[in-house]
């Protein structure tokens, strides 16, 4: 088993280096900057307008769902369920430990530009969506590639759909459940005393986590898109607010360290070798790689995944639904990921730089304010909720990708495989799961970024039509 794992890891490392090299990071940043300029920096100039006309509608009672569609808010929470996942807890911790505090700066930079990217891809998803045979709105990169670029580019759409279906099994499924299982093991360790959790006990916890997630997911997925939307519109706001409050308590208790933490983030972005060692090139490459990579893992800007959910919205104005992308990235990265990063850096918890970490580092940070047991319980519960929300959302994404290639007749079989992978993901080695997920992210992003650049004229025209200039 170890030999197989090592072989898979070696192959993935080579592929990952190609997919997530400097050209890909430059492409992600470049596309975000391009759309920011072409659309007039809506994430800055129209930020207040975007908040008022997205999340603001929830409090004013607007945005009801119609038959065969999700309400705009349900589409947002389904997309947020896919983005606000364990990457906000474990992914940020890993970015800091592997890329240094400066990785947080590059996460911010990529997310600011990513708001424009996500605005563009959601706009295109709504513009080029279709009605399915069952009357539901369906869309996403595979549809705006074929309908926007033409049938001769169907191969590119199929490439995206294959990568998306595989990524759903990896990033949207196994990586999430794996992190939840890791957190559950940490929780058991906090309550087990000096003896710790035995190997047999750990396996039982992991299997139990996998089976509970599989059962919960199966029950929700039986209800289809509307069922997923009904669950996420309640689950996502509740789990997000709870986590924000918990992180805010840690930050508030160490508020005098805020200036030093922010200074470390900024200086670490340009002098990462001071923390990571090695030369400037090696340190900067790591900081960029993990900052941008984990940021994209978290908010998915450029991947083309969340547009699949937004295409199901009852909103008819593509630009109006695109505004939800600005709020989505803001809530996910600017708010939640930042709170995690500050909690870690301000808490005084030791960071093992150069070593891959996950939720255990975030737990260590929360221990400084809550104590070992309360912190383990809080992070374990939040990780489980974040993971479940993501698993449900990505089941929809994967199913839509499979449906595009093979039709509706195989979506049931795909969901069965998806549920089986939940249990498998709970017991696999975490590092390999994250590595494979990173690679699949990049493979999804390539055809999507190509398509939205080629279709940028539609984005500009729809933006001008919406804002009246």
Protein backbone atom coordinates (compact mmCIF):
# COMPACT_ATOMS: atom_id res chain seq x y z
CA UNK A 1 0.00 0.00 0.00
CA UNK A 2 2.86 2.35 0.89
CA UNK A 3 4.52 1.73 -2.49
CA UNK A 4 1.32 2.55 -4.36
CA UNK A 5 0.90 5.74 -2.34
CA UNK A 6 4.50 6.75 -3.04
CA UNK A 7 4.09 6.13 -6.76
CA UNK A 8 0.86 8.15 -6.91
CA UNK A 9 2.47 10.92 -4.88
CA UNK A 10 5.51 11.05 -7.20
CA UNK A 11 3.40 11.21 -10.35
CA UNK A 12 1.16 13.87 -8.83
CA UNK A 13 4.16 15.95 -7.72
CA UNK A 14 5.43 16.15 -11.30
CA UNK A 15 1.98 17.03 -12.65
CA UNK A 16 1.35 19.50 -9.84
CA UNK A 17 4.60 21.33 -10.58
CA UNK A 18 3.51 21.74 -14.19
CA UNK A 19 -0.06 22.77 -13.39
CA UNK A 20 0.76 25.10 -10.49
CA UNK A 21 4.01 26.59 -11.70
CA UNK A 22 4.68 30.29 -12.09
CA UNK A 23 2.81 30.43 -15.46
CA UNK A 24 -0.44 29.33 -13.78
CA UNK A 25 -0.04 31.77 -10.90
CA UNK A 26 0.67 34.52 -13.40
CA UNK A 27 -2.40 33.52 -15.42
CA UNK A 28 -4.70 33.60 -12.39
CA UNK A 29 -3.43 37.00 -11.27
CA UNK A 30 -3.40 38.28 -14.85
CA UNK A 31 -6.98 37.23 -15.58
CA UNK A 32 -8.18 38.86 -12.37
CA UNK A 33 -6.37 42.09 -13.22
CA UNK A 34 -7.66 42.00 -16.80
CA UNK A 35 -11.31 41.70 -15.74
CA UNK A 36 -10.84 44.26 -12.97
CA UNK A 37 -9.67 46.79 -15.56
CA UNK A 38 -12.19 45.84 -18.27
CA UNK A 39 -15.17 46.06 -15.88
CA UNK A 40 -13.95 49.15 -14.00
CA UNK A 41 -12.91 47.45 -10.75
CA UNK A 42 -16.45 46.61 -9.58
CA UNK A 43 -15.04 44.93 -6.45
CA UNK A 44 -13.83 48.38 -5.39
CA UNK A 45 -15.99 51.02 -7.07
CA UNK A 46 -19.26 49.06 -6.80
CA UNK A 47 -18.58 47.18 -3.56
CA UNK A 48 -21.35 48.92 -1.59
CA UNK A 49 -23.76 48.42 -4.48
CA UNK A 50 -22.84 44.74 -4.67
CA UNK A 51 -23.44 44.21 -0.93
CA UNK A 52 -26.78 46.04 -1.06
CA UNK A 53 -27.97 44.05 -4.06
CA UNK A 54 -26.81 40.64 -2.89
CA UNK A 55 -26.83 39.89 0.81
CA UNK A 56 -28.84 43.07 1.38
CA UNK A 57 -31.77 41.55 -0.50
CA UNK A 58 -32.01 38.77 2.08
CA UNK A 59 -32.89 41.25 4.81
CA UNK A 60 -35.34 43.12 2.57
CA UNK A 61 -37.18 39.94 1.63
CA UNK A 62 -36.22 39.99 -2.05
CA UNK A 63 -35.01 37.20 -4.27
CA UNK A 64 -37.62 34.43 -4.15
CA UNK A 65 -37.16 31.16 -5.99
CA UNK A 66 -39.24 30.16 -8.99
CA UNK A 67 -40.10 26.68 -10.22
CA UNK A 68 -37.04 24.78 -11.45
CA UNK A 69 -34.61 27.30 -9.94
CA UNK A 70 -32.95 28.35 -6.72
CA UNK A 71 -33.48 31.80 -5.27
CA UNK A 72 -30.47 34.08 -5.84
CA UNK A 73 -29.62 33.68 -2.14
CA UNK A 74 -29.91 29.89 -2.30
CA UNK A 75 -27.62 29.91 -5.33
CA UNK A 76 -25.17 32.03 -3.32
CA UNK A 77 -25.27 29.79 -0.23
CA UNK A 78 -24.90 26.67 -2.38
CA UNK A 79 -21.84 28.25 -4.00
CA UNK A 80 -20.58 29.44 -0.60
CA UNK A 81 -21.08 25.91 0.71
CA UNK A 82 -18.54 24.84 -1.88
CA UNK A 83 -16.10 27.65 -1.08
CA UNK A 84 -16.46 28.03 2.70
CA UNK A 85 -15.04 24.62 3.45
CA UNK A 86 -12.18 23.12 5.39
CA UNK A 87 -9.79 25.23 3.32
CA UNK A 88 -10.82 28.15 5.54
CA UNK A 89 -9.62 26.25 8.62
CA UNK A 90 -7.01 23.72 7.51
CA UNK A 91 -6.02 25.30 4.19
CA UNK A 92 -5.08 28.66 5.72
CA UNK A 93 -3.04 26.91 8.40
CA UNK A 94 -1.21 24.93 5.73
CA UNK A 95 -0.56 28.06 3.66
CA UNK A 96 1.07 29.79 6.64
CA UNK A 97 3.20 26.81 7.67
CA UNK A 98 4.41 26.06 4.14
CA UNK A 99 4.46 29.56 2.63
CA UNK A 100 5.11 31.68 5.73
CA UNK A 101 2.97 34.61 6.98
CA UNK A 102 3.51 36.30 3.62
CA UNK A 103 1.29 33.69 2.01
CA UNK A 104 -1.65 35.50 3.62
CA UNK A 105 -0.74 38.68 1.72
CA UNK A 106 -0.74 36.84 -1.59
CA UNK A 107 -4.03 35.22 -0.60
CA UNK A 108 -5.47 38.70 -0.15
CA UNK A 109 -4.07 39.93 -3.46
CA UNK A 110 -5.40 36.96 -5.40
CA UNK A 111 -8.81 37.22 -3.73
CA UNK A 112 -9.15 40.95 -4.52
CA UNK A 113 -8.53 40.27 -8.19
CA UNK A 114 -10.46 36.99 -7.91
CA UNK A 115 -13.63 38.96 -7.15
CA UNK A 116 -13.57 40.30 -10.71
CA UNK A 117 -12.82 36.84 -12.11
CA UNK A 118 -15.71 35.26 -10.25
CA UNK A 119 -18.04 38.10 -11.25
CA UNK A 120 -17.16 37.41 -14.89
CA UNK A 121 -17.56 33.64 -14.80
CA UNK A 122 -20.90 33.79 -12.94
CA UNK A 123 -22.18 36.40 -15.41
CA UNK A 124 -21.28 34.09 -18.30
CA UNK A 125 -22.84 31.07 -16.59
CA UNK A 126 -26.21 32.85 -16.30
CA UNK A 127 -25.99 34.29 -19.81
CA UNK A 128 -25.34 30.92 -21.49
CA UNK A 129 -27.37 28.61 -19.24
CA UNK A 130 -30.04 26.20 -20.49
CA UNK A 131 -33.16 24.46 -19.25
CA UNK A 132 -32.65 20.77 -18.51
CA UNK A 133 -35.23 18.14 -19.59
CA UNK A 134 -36.58 18.32 -16.02
CA UNK A 135 -37.06 22.10 -16.23
CA UNK A 136 -34.09 23.10 -14.06
CA UNK A 137 -31.64 25.82 -15.03
CA UNK A 138 -28.22 24.31 -15.75
CA UNK A 139 -25.00 26.08 -16.67
CA UNK A 140 -21.35 26.51 -16.01
CA UNK A 141 -18.09 26.58 -17.96
CA UNK A 142 -18.96 23.55 -20.08
CA UNK A 143 -22.03 25.39 -21.40
CA UNK A 144 -20.50 28.81 -21.96
CA UNK A 145 -17.61 27.12 -23.72
CA UNK A 146 -19.83 25.22 -26.18
CA UNK A 147 -22.49 27.92 -26.63
CA UNK A 148 -20.16 30.91 -26.41
CA UNK A 149 -17.08 29.65 -28.25
CA UNK A 150 -18.91 27.21 -30.53
CA UNK A 151 -19.34 23.46 -30.93
CA UNK A 152 -15.80 23.10 -32.25
CA UNK A 153 -14.61 23.80 -28.70
CA UNK A 154 -16.69 21.02 -27.15
CA UNK A 155 -13.46 19.12 -26.46
CA UNK A 156 -12.40 21.95 -24.13
CA UNK A 157 -15.77 21.78 -22.37
CA UNK A 158 -15.41 18.01 -21.97
CA UNK A 159 -11.91 18.50 -20.56
CA UNK A 160 -13.32 20.88 -17.95
CA UNK A 161 -16.20 18.54 -17.13
CA UNK A 162 -13.87 15.55 -16.68
CA UNK A 163 -11.57 17.58 -14.43
CA UNK A 164 -14.58 18.93 -12.55
CA UNK A 165 -16.10 15.51 -11.94
CA UNK A 166 -12.73 14.24 -10.68
CA UNK A 167 -12.12 17.37 -8.59
CA UNK A 168 -15.52 16.91 -6.97
CA UNK A 169 -14.39 13.49 -5.76
CA UNK A 170 -11.09 14.93 -4.53
CA UNK A 171 -11.27 18.55 -3.40
CA UNK A 172 -15.02 18.70 -2.88
CA UNK A 173 -15.30 15.33 -1.20
CA UNK A 174 -12.28 13.41 0.09
CA UNK A 175 -10.21 16.44 1.16
CA UNK A 176 -13.17 17.80 3.12
CA UNK A 177 -14.12 14.58 4.87
CA UNK A 178 -10.46 13.77 5.52
CA UNK A 179 -10.00 17.07 7.35
CA UNK A 180 -13.20 16.52 9.33
CA UNK A 181 -11.94 13.06 10.33
CA UNK A 182 -8.55 14.51 11.34
CA UNK A 183 -10.33 17.05 13.50
CA UNK A 184 -12.48 14.35 15.09
CA UNK A 185 -9.33 12.38 15.97
CA UNK A 186 -7.84 15.52 17.53
CA UNK A 187 -11.02 15.97 19.54
CA UNK A 188 -10.84 12.39 20.80
CA UNK A 189 -7.20 12.91 21.71
CA UNK A 190 -8.05 15.99 23.76
CA UNK A 191 -10.47 13.95 25.86
CA UNK A 192 -8.53 10.66 26.02
CA UNK A 193 -5.83 11.71 28.47
CA UNK A 194 -2.12 10.90 28.32
CA UNK A 195 -2.61 7.58 26.55
CA UNK A 196 -3.92 9.30 23.46
CA UNK A 197 -5.95 7.62 20.72
CA UNK A 198 -4.83 4.16 19.67
CA UNK A 199 -4.36 3.27 16.01
CA UNK A 200 -7.47 1.10 16.15
CA UNK A 201 -9.42 3.85 17.84
CA UNK A 202 -8.33 6.35 15.21
CA UNK A 203 -9.48 4.07 12.40
CA UNK A 204 -12.87 3.62 14.07
CA UNK A 205 -13.25 7.39 14.41
CA UNK A 206 -12.33 7.91 10.78
CA UNK A 207 -14.72 5.23 9.56
CA UNK A 208 -17.48 6.57 11.80
CA UNK A 209 -16.96 10.07 10.42
CA UNK A 210 -17.06 8.73 6.89
CA UNK A 211 -20.25 6.75 7.37
CA UNK A 212 -22.06 9.62 9.12
CA UNK A 213 -21.13 12.00 6.30
CA UNK A 214 -22.13 9.44 3.68
CA UNK A 215 -25.55 8.89 5.26
CA UNK A 216 -26.26 12.62 5.69
CA UNK A 217 -25.15 13.36 2.14
CA UNK A 218 -27.23 10.55 0.67
CA UNK A 219 -30.37 11.78 2.42
CA UNK A 220 -29.92 15.34 1.09
CA UNK A 221 -28.80 14.37 -2.41
CA UNK A 222 -31.91 12.26 -2.93
CA UNK A 223 -33.86 15.52 -3.02
CA UNK A 224 -31.76 16.99 -5.82
CA UNK A 225 -30.81 20.62 -6.41
CA UNK A 226 -33.72 22.13 -4.45
CA UNK A 227 -32.89 20.01 -1.42
CA UNK A 228 -29.26 21.09 -1.48
CA UNK A 229 -30.32 24.75 -1.71
CA UNK A 230 -32.79 24.38 1.17
CA UNK A 231 -30.08 22.95 3.42
CA UNK A 232 -27.30 25.37 2.48
CA UNK A 233 -29.38 28.52 2.95
CA UNK A 234 -29.71 27.60 6.65
CA UNK A 235 -26.41 25.81 7.25
CA UNK A 236 -23.95 28.24 5.63
CA UNK A 237 -24.99 31.46 7.47
CA UNK A 238 -25.19 29.67 10.83
CA UNK A 239 -21.80 27.94 10.62
CA UNK A 240 -20.10 31.05 9.23
CA UNK A 241 -21.38 33.39 11.93
CA UNK A 242 -20.45 30.90 14.65
CA UNK A 243 -16.90 30.57 13.32
CA UNK A 244 -16.49 34.33 12.90
CA UNK A 245 -17.49 34.87 16.53
CA UNK A 246 -15.07 32.20 17.75
CA UNK A 247 -12.14 33.60 15.77
CA UNK A 248 -13.02 37.14 16.82
CA UNK A 249 -12.74 36.10 20.48
CA UNK A 250 -9.18 34.82 19.94
CA UNK A 251 -8.20 37.95 18.03
CA UNK A 252 -9.84 40.20 20.62
CA UNK A 253 -7.99 38.50 23.46
CA UNK A 254 -4.69 39.22 21.68
CA UNK A 255 -5.59 42.54 20.10
CA UNK A 256 -2.31 44.19 21.11
CA UNK A 257 -0.53 41.82 18.70
CA UNK A 258 -2.59 42.90 15.68
CA UNK A 259 -0.04 45.41 14.40
CA UNK A 260 2.83 42.94 14.68
CA UNK A 261 0.83 40.21 12.93
CA UNK A 262 -0.13 42.48 10.03
CA UNK A 263 3.46 43.69 9.76
CA UNK A 264 4.68 40.08 9.63
CA UNK A 265 2.21 39.31 6.85
CA UNK A 266 3.30 42.27 4.71
CA UNK A 267 7.03 41.91 5.32
CA UNK A 268 6.80 38.15 4.89
CA UNK A 269 5.30 38.62 1.43
CA UNK A 270 8.48 40.29 0.20
CA UNK A 271 11.06 38.72 2.52
CA UNK A 272 9.74 35.17 3.03
CA UNK A 273 13.27 33.75 3.27
CA UNK A 274 13.53 35.29 6.75
CA UNK A 275 11.01 32.69 7.93
CA UNK A 276 11.27 29.88 5.39
CA UNK A 277 15.03 29.96 4.85
CA UNK A 278 16.71 29.48 1.49
CA UNK A 279 17.22 32.19 -1.10
CA UNK A 280 14.77 34.91 -2.05
CA UNK A 281 13.64 33.02 -5.15
CA UNK A 282 12.84 29.82 -3.28
CA UNK A 283 11.11 31.63 -0.42
CA UNK A 284 9.07 33.92 -2.65
CA UNK A 285 8.03 31.04 -4.88
CA UNK A 286 6.73 29.11 -1.85
CA UNK A 287 4.93 32.14 -0.47
CA UNK A 288 3.26 32.85 -3.82
CA UNK A 289 2.50 29.20 -4.48
CA UNK A 290 0.75 28.50 -1.21
CA UNK A 291 -0.84 31.91 -0.83
CA UNK A 292 -2.43 31.92 -4.28
CA UNK A 293 -2.96 28.16 -4.41
CA UNK A 294 -4.73 27.85 -1.06
CA UNK A 295 -6.61 31.08 -1.74
CA UNK A 296 -7.98 29.63 -4.98
CA UNK A 297 -8.68 26.36 -3.15
CA UNK A 298 -10.75 28.33 -0.67
CA UNK A 299 -12.69 30.83 -2.83
CA UNK A 300 -12.45 28.93 -6.15
CA UNK A 301 -12.17 32.11 -8.23
CA UNK A 302 -11.19 31.01 -11.72
CA UNK A 303 -11.93 27.33 -11.20
CA UNK A 304 -15.40 27.54 -12.77
CA UNK A 305 -17.06 25.49 -10.03
CA UNK A 306 -19.39 27.92 -8.25
CA UNK A 307 -20.85 29.29 -11.54
CA UNK A 308 -22.56 25.89 -11.81
CA UNK A 309 -24.57 26.75 -8.68
CA UNK A 310 -25.19 30.37 -9.67
CA UNK A 311 -26.56 29.28 -13.04
CA UNK A 312 -29.45 27.65 -11.15
CA UNK A 313 -30.61 31.04 -9.84
CA UNK A 314 -33.97 32.54 -10.78
CA UNK A 315 -32.18 35.85 -11.44
CA UNK A 316 -32.50 36.81 -15.12
CA UNK A 317 -29.89 39.61 -15.25
CA UNK A 318 -26.43 38.00 -15.68
CA UNK A 319 -24.59 40.99 -14.20
CA UNK A 320 -26.92 41.10 -11.18
CA UNK A 321 -26.13 37.47 -10.34
CA UNK A 322 -22.46 38.12 -11.07
CA UNK A 323 -22.40 40.57 -8.18
CA UNK A 324 -22.92 37.64 -5.84
CA UNK A 325 -19.45 36.48 -6.86
CA UNK A 326 -17.94 39.63 -5.35
CA UNK A 327 -19.69 38.98 -2.04
CA UNK A 328 -18.81 35.29 -2.19
CA UNK A 329 -15.05 35.86 -2.44
CA UNK A 330 -15.21 38.70 0.10
CA UNK A 331 -17.03 36.55 2.68
CA UNK A 332 -14.87 33.49 2.10
CA UNK A 333 -11.35 34.90 1.89
CA UNK A 334 -11.34 38.52 3.02
CA UNK A 335 -13.39 37.72 6.12
CA UNK A 336 -13.19 34.06 7.15
CA UNK A 337 -9.70 33.15 5.89
CA UNK A 338 -8.28 36.40 7.29
CA UNK A 339 -9.79 35.68 10.70
CA UNK A 340 -8.22 32.22 10.72
CA UNK A 341 -4.82 33.64 9.74
CA UNK A 342 -4.91 36.39 12.36
CA UNK A 343 -6.07 33.96 15.06
CA UNK A 344 -3.07 31.73 14.30
CA UNK A 345 -0.51 34.52 14.08
CA UNK A 346 -1.78 36.51 17.07
CA UNK A 347 -2.43 33.60 19.43
CA UNK A 348 1.22 32.80 20.03
CA UNK A 349 0.73 29.16 19.00
CA UNK A 350 4.02 27.80 17.57
CA UNK A 351 3.94 27.49 13.78
CA UNK A 352 6.08 24.62 12.38
CA UNK A 353 7.31 26.44 9.26
CA UNK A 354 8.27 24.13 6.42
CA UNK A 355 6.00 21.36 7.68
CA UNK A 356 2.55 20.58 6.25
CA UNK A 357 -0.12 21.28 8.85
CA UNK A 358 -3.88 21.42 8.90
CA UNK A 359 -6.70 21.87 11.38
CA UNK A 360 -4.39 20.91 14.27
CA UNK A 361 -2.57 24.26 13.95
CA UNK A 362 -5.86 26.16 14.05
CA UNK A 363 -6.90 24.12 17.09
CA UNK A 364 -3.62 25.07 18.79
CA UNK A 365 -4.41 28.73 18.18
CA UNK A 366 -7.91 28.42 19.61
CA UNK A 367 -6.56 26.50 22.62
CA UNK A 368 -4.91 29.71 23.83
CA UNK A 369 -8.34 31.22 24.42
CA UNK A 370 -10.70 28.30 24.91
CA UNK A 371 -8.51 25.60 26.42
CA UNK A 372 -7.58 22.31 24.79
CA UNK A 373 -10.90 20.50 25.06
CA UNK A 374 -13.19 23.41 24.21
CA UNK A 375 -10.98 24.40 21.26
CA UNK A 376 -10.88 20.86 19.91
CA UNK A 377 -14.67 20.58 20.26
CA UNK A 378 -15.31 23.95 18.58
CA UNK A 379 -12.96 23.42 15.63
CA UNK A 380 -14.09 19.83 15.19
CA UNK A 381 -17.75 20.88 15.05
CA UNK A 382 -17.05 23.78 12.67
CA UNK A 383 -14.85 21.62 10.47
CA UNK A 384 -17.58 19.01 10.25
CA UNK A 385 -20.18 21.63 9.27
CA UNK A 386 -17.88 23.31 6.75
CA UNK A 387 -16.97 19.93 5.27
CA UNK A 388 -20.57 18.72 5.01
CA UNK A 389 -21.67 21.91 3.27
CA UNK A 390 -18.85 21.58 0.75
CA UNK A 391 -19.53 17.89 0.12
CA UNK A 392 -23.18 18.65 -0.69
CA UNK A 393 -22.34 21.53 -3.01
CA UNK A 394 -19.63 19.66 -4.90
CA UNK A 395 -21.93 16.68 -5.38
CA UNK A 396 -24.08 19.04 -7.44
CA UNK A 397 -21.04 20.30 -9.38
CA UNK A 398 -19.75 16.81 -10.12
CA UNK A 399 -23.19 15.59 -11.17
CA UNK A 400 -23.63 18.53 -13.55
CA UNK A 401 -20.22 17.81 -15.12
CA UNK A 402 -21.05 14.14 -15.63
CA UNK A 403 -24.49 15.03 -16.96
CA UNK A 404 -22.92 17.32 -19.57
CA UNK A 405 -20.77 14.49 -20.96
CA UNK A 406 -22.99 11.43 -20.59
CA UNK A 407 -26.51 12.72 -19.99
CA UNK A 408 -28.80 12.33 -16.99
CA UNK A 409 -28.79 8.53 -17.14
CA UNK A 410 -25.44 8.28 -15.34
CA UNK A 411 -25.87 10.92 -12.63
CA UNK A 412 -27.36 8.40 -10.22
CA UNK A 413 -24.34 6.12 -10.61
CA UNK A 414 -21.99 9.08 -10.14
CA UNK A 415 -23.72 10.07 -6.90
CA UNK A 416 -23.34 6.49 -5.64
CA UNK A 417 -19.61 6.61 -6.38
CA UNK A 418 -19.42 10.05 -4.78
CA UNK A 419 -20.94 8.76 -1.56
CA UNK A 420 -18.55 5.78 -1.53
CA UNK A 421 -15.60 8.16 -1.88
CA UNK A 422 -16.74 9.95 1.27
CA UNK A 423 -15.85 6.89 3.33
CA UNK A 424 -12.60 6.34 1.40
CA UNK A 425 -11.56 9.95 1.93
CA UNK A 426 -12.03 9.69 5.68
CA UNK A 427 -9.27 7.09 6.04
CA UNK A 428 -6.68 8.25 3.45
CA UNK A 429 -3.46 10.11 4.23
CA UNK A 430 -4.27 13.81 4.35
CA UNK A 431 -1.20 15.21 2.61
CA UNK A 432 -1.71 13.14 -0.53
CA UNK A 433 -5.40 14.06 -0.69
CA UNK A 434 -4.56 17.77 -0.58
CA UNK A 435 -1.80 17.38 -3.16
CA UNK A 436 -4.08 15.60 -5.63
CA UNK A 437 -6.83 18.15 -4.98
CA UNK A 438 -4.43 21.01 -5.77
CA UNK A 439 -3.59 19.37 -9.10
CA UNK A 440 -7.24 18.83 -10.02
CA UNK A 441 -7.94 22.49 -9.18
CA UNK A 442 -5.37 23.57 -11.71
CA UNK A 443 -6.70 21.23 -14.39
CA UNK A 444 -10.17 22.73 -13.94
CA UNK A 445 -8.91 26.28 -14.05
CA UNK A 446 -7.05 26.02 -17.37
CA UNK A 447 -10.06 25.57 -19.73
CA UNK A 448 -12.20 27.91 -17.65
CA UNK A 449 -9.70 30.78 -17.71
CA UNK A 450 -9.19 30.33 -21.45
CA UNK A 451 -12.95 30.50 -22.01
CA UNK A 452 -13.71 33.56 -19.89
CA UNK A 453 -10.87 35.48 -21.53
CA UNK A 454 -12.19 34.59 -24.97
CA UNK A 455 -15.72 35.63 -23.94
CA UNK A 456 -14.69 38.81 -22.12
CA UNK A 457 -16.61 40.95 -24.62
CA UNK A 458 -19.90 39.51 -23.31
CA UNK A 459 -18.86 40.41 -19.76
CA UNK A 460 -18.06 44.00 -20.67
CA UNK A 461 -21.31 44.51 -22.60
CA UNK A 462 -23.47 42.99 -19.86
CA UNK A 463 -21.71 45.11 -17.24
CA UNK A 464 -22.32 48.30 -19.19
CA UNK A 465 -25.94 47.33 -19.76
CA UNK A 466 -26.48 46.72 -16.03
CA UNK A 467 -24.79 49.85 -14.73
CA UNK A 468 -26.01 52.02 -17.59
CA UNK A 469 -22.61 53.13 -18.87
